């Protein structure tokens, strides 16, 4: 999963119809488990743009998109937040959410 910064997010939100961004912090153990699950989902959905962002570097974005905790997966459609996922229940659950 490619790591993005704030500029990349803003640019791609304007260009892509659908985008998933995984927000994490490096010391978060739950984030590491969630990322492993997302890597599996990314293998199953190779055409889905799925990126990750270290929340420590973009606190203003966290506030704007109401990211209350990590791990967090934001699903965007046409530049707008369509869904926020804080509980990464299973690979199957994430697959179904990202497939839509």
C-alpha atoms as a PDB file:
ATOM      1  CA  UNK A   1       0.000   0.000   0.000  1.00  0.00           C
ATOM      2  CA  UNK A   2       1.472   3.314  -1.080  1.00  0.00           C
ATOM      3  CA  UNK A   3       1.949   6.016   1.577  1.00  0.00           C
ATOM      4  CA  UNK A   4       0.500   9.407   0.653  1.00  0.00           C
ATOM      5  CA  UNK A   5       0.799  12.926   1.975  1.00  0.00           C
ATOM      6  CA  UNK A   6      -1.712  15.754   2.081  1.00  0.00           C
ATOM      7  CA  UNK A   7      -1.001  17.073  -1.435  1.00  0.00           C
ATOM      8  CA  UNK A   8      -1.436  13.658  -3.016  1.00  0.00           C
ATOM      9  CA  UNK A   9      -4.776  13.187  -1.259  1.00  0.00           C
ATOM     10  CA  UNK A  10      -6.116  16.533  -2.427  1.00  0.00           C
ATOM     11  CA  UNK A  11      -4.959  15.984  -6.023  1.00  0.00           C
ATOM     12  CA  UNK A  12      -6.316  12.463  -6.285  1.00  0.00           C
ATOM     13  CA  UNK A  13      -9.677  13.270  -4.707  1.00  0.00           C
ATOM     14  CA  UNK A  14     -10.280  15.609  -7.628  1.00  0.00           C
ATOM     15  CA  UNK A  15      -9.184  13.044 -10.215  1.00  0.00           C
ATOM     16  CA  UNK A  16     -10.570   9.731  -8.978  1.00  0.00           C
ATOM     17  CA  UNK A  17     -14.249   8.783  -8.763  1.00  0.00           C
ATOM     18  CA  UNK A  18     -13.553   6.213  -6.056  1.00  0.00           C
ATOM     19  CA  UNK A  19     -10.774   6.152  -3.465  1.00  0.00           C
ATOM     20  CA  UNK A  20     -10.083   4.434  -0.138  1.00  0.00           C
ATOM     21  CA  UNK A  21      -7.609   5.932   2.329  1.00  0.00           C
ATOM     22  CA  UNK A  22      -6.324   4.074   5.367  1.00  0.00           C
ATOM     23  CA  UNK A  23      -5.308   6.376   8.234  1.00  0.00           C
ATOM     24  CA  UNK A  24      -2.907   4.976  10.828  1.00  0.00           C
ATOM     25  CA  UNK A  25      -0.145   5.844  13.256  1.00  0.00           C
ATOM     26  CA  UNK A  26       3.129   3.876  13.341  1.00  0.00           C
ATOM     27  CA  UNK A  27       2.900   2.856  17.007  1.00  0.00           C
ATOM     28  CA  UNK A  28      -0.703   1.590  16.786  1.00  0.00           C
ATOM     29  CA  UNK A  29      -0.813  -2.210  17.081  1.00  0.00           C
ATOM     30  CA  UNK A  30      -4.407  -2.418  15.875  1.00  0.00           C
ATOM     31  CA  UNK A  31      -3.390  -0.392  12.811  1.00  0.00           C
ATOM     32  CA  UNK A  32      -0.804  -3.031  11.917  1.00  0.00           C
ATOM     33  CA  UNK A  33      -3.465  -5.776  12.036  1.00  0.00           C
ATOM     34  CA  UNK A  34      -5.884  -3.637  10.012  1.00  0.00           C
ATOM     35  CA  UNK A  35      -3.205  -2.959   7.400  1.00  0.00           C
ATOM     36  CA  UNK A  36      -2.531  -6.684   6.958  1.00  0.00           C
ATOM     37  CA  UNK A  37      -6.249  -7.202   6.366  1.00  0.00           C
ATOM     38  CA  UNK A  38      -6.315  -4.401   3.801  1.00  0.00           C
ATOM     39  CA  UNK A  39      -3.321  -5.860   1.966  1.00  0.00           C
ATOM     40  CA  UNK A  40      -5.352  -9.048   1.441  1.00  0.00           C
ATOM     41  CA  UNK A  41      -8.357  -7.039   0.230  1.00  0.00           C
ATOM     42  CA  UNK A  42      -6.125  -5.052  -2.113  1.00  0.00           C
ATOM     43  CA  UNK A  43      -4.971  -8.314  -3.704  1.00  0.00           C
ATOM     44  CA  UNK A  44      -8.617  -9.232  -4.290  1.00  0.00           C
ATOM     45  CA  UNK A  45      -9.525  -5.771  -5.641  1.00  0.00           C
ATOM     46  CA  UNK A  46      -6.389  -4.676  -7.546  1.00  0.00           C
ATOM     47  CA  UNK A  47      -8.178  -1.875  -9.446  1.00  0.00           C
ATOM     48  CA  UNK A  48      -9.362  -0.092  -6.308  1.00  0.00           C
ATOM     49  CA  UNK A  49      -7.174   2.888  -5.389  1.00  0.00           C
ATOM     50  CA  UNK A  50      -6.246   2.134  -1.760  1.00  0.00           C
ATOM     51  CA  UNK A  51      -3.627   4.315  -0.078  1.00  0.00           C
ATOM     52  CA  UNK A  52      -2.410   4.915   3.467  1.00  0.00           C
ATOM     53  CA  UNK A  53      -1.625   8.086   5.391  1.00  0.00           C
ATOM     54  CA  UNK A  54       0.159   8.598   8.717  1.00  0.00           C
ATOM     55  CA  UNK A  55      -2.329  10.691  10.681  1.00  0.00           C
ATOM     56  CA  UNK A  56       0.479  12.323  12.700  1.00  0.00           C
ATOM     57  CA  UNK A  57       1.425  14.426   9.670  1.00  0.00           C
ATOM     58  CA  UNK A  58      -2.021  15.767   8.761  1.00  0.00           C
ATOM     59  CA  UNK A  59      -3.981  16.714  11.906  1.00  0.00           C
ATOM     60  CA  UNK A  60      -6.004  19.345  10.010  1.00  0.00           C
ATOM     61  CA  UNK A  61      -7.285  16.680   7.621  1.00  0.00           C
ATOM     62  CA  UNK A  62      -8.205  14.463  10.567  1.00  0.00           C
ATOM     63  CA  UNK A  63     -10.323  17.241  11.996  1.00  0.00           C
ATOM     64  CA  UNK A  64     -11.926  18.090   8.642  1.00  0.00           C
ATOM     65  CA  UNK A  65     -12.938  14.473   7.956  1.00  0.00           C
ATOM     66  CA  UNK A  66     -13.851  13.730  11.577  1.00  0.00           C
ATOM     67  CA  UNK A  67     -11.301  10.984  12.123  1.00  0.00           C
ATOM     68  CA  UNK A  68     -11.745  10.219  15.808  1.00  0.00           C
ATOM     69  CA  UNK A  69      -9.339   7.310  16.160  1.00  0.00           C
ATOM     70  CA  UNK A  70      -7.048   5.000  14.252  1.00  0.00           C
ATOM     71  CA  UNK A  71      -7.203   2.754  12.430  1.00  0.00           C
ATOM     72  CA  UNK A  72      -9.664   4.500  10.162  1.00  0.00           C
ATOM     73  CA  UNK A  73     -10.632   3.770   6.584  1.00  0.00           C
ATOM     74  CA  UNK A  74     -12.363   6.512   4.632  1.00  0.00           C
ATOM     75  CA  UNK A  75     -14.206   5.602   1.466  1.00  0.00           C
ATOM     76  CA  UNK A  76     -14.589   8.455  -0.980  1.00  0.00           C
ATOM     77  CA  UNK A  77     -16.917   8.753  -3.938  1.00  0.00           C
ATOM     78  CA  UNK A  78     -16.566  11.765  -6.252  1.00  0.00           C
ATOM     79  CA  UNK A  79     -14.377  13.581  -3.696  1.00  0.00           C
ATOM     80  CA  UNK A  80     -16.802  13.222  -0.786  1.00  0.00           C
ATOM     81  CA  UNK A  81     -16.573  10.910   2.232  1.00  0.00           C
ATOM     82  CA  UNK A  82     -19.085   8.125   1.615  1.00  0.00           C
ATOM     83  CA  UNK A  83     -18.233   5.995   4.653  1.00  0.00           C
ATOM     84  CA  UNK A  84     -15.951   5.901   7.707  1.00  0.00           C
ATOM     85  CA  UNK A  85     -14.818   2.549   9.035  1.00  0.00           C
ATOM     86  CA  UNK A  86     -13.231   2.384  12.478  1.00  0.00           C
ATOM     87  CA  UNK A  87     -13.922  -1.294  13.276  1.00  0.00           C
ATOM     88  CA  UNK A  88     -12.044  -3.578  10.882  1.00  0.00           C
ATOM     89  CA  UNK A  89     -14.159  -6.643  11.608  1.00  0.00           C
ATOM     90  CA  UNK A  90     -12.747  -9.100   9.073  1.00  0.00           C
ATOM     91  CA  UNK A  91     -11.237  -9.373   5.618  1.00  0.00           C
ATOM     92  CA  UNK A  92     -14.647 -10.450   4.312  1.00  0.00           C
ATOM     93  CA  UNK A  93     -16.333  -7.373   5.810  1.00  0.00           C
ATOM     94  CA  UNK A  94     -13.715  -5.021   4.345  1.00  0.00           C
ATOM     95  CA  UNK A  95     -13.927  -6.736   0.970  1.00  0.00           C
ATOM     96  CA  UNK A  96     -17.702  -6.241   0.839  1.00  0.00           C
ATOM     97  CA  UNK A  97     -17.415  -2.587   1.889  1.00  0.00           C
ATOM     98  CA  UNK A  98     -14.697  -1.792  -0.630  1.00  0.00           C
ATOM     99  CA  UNK A  99     -16.236  -3.785  -3.466  1.00  0.00           C
ATOM    100  CA  UNK A 100     -19.373  -1.590  -3.559  1.00  0.00           C
END
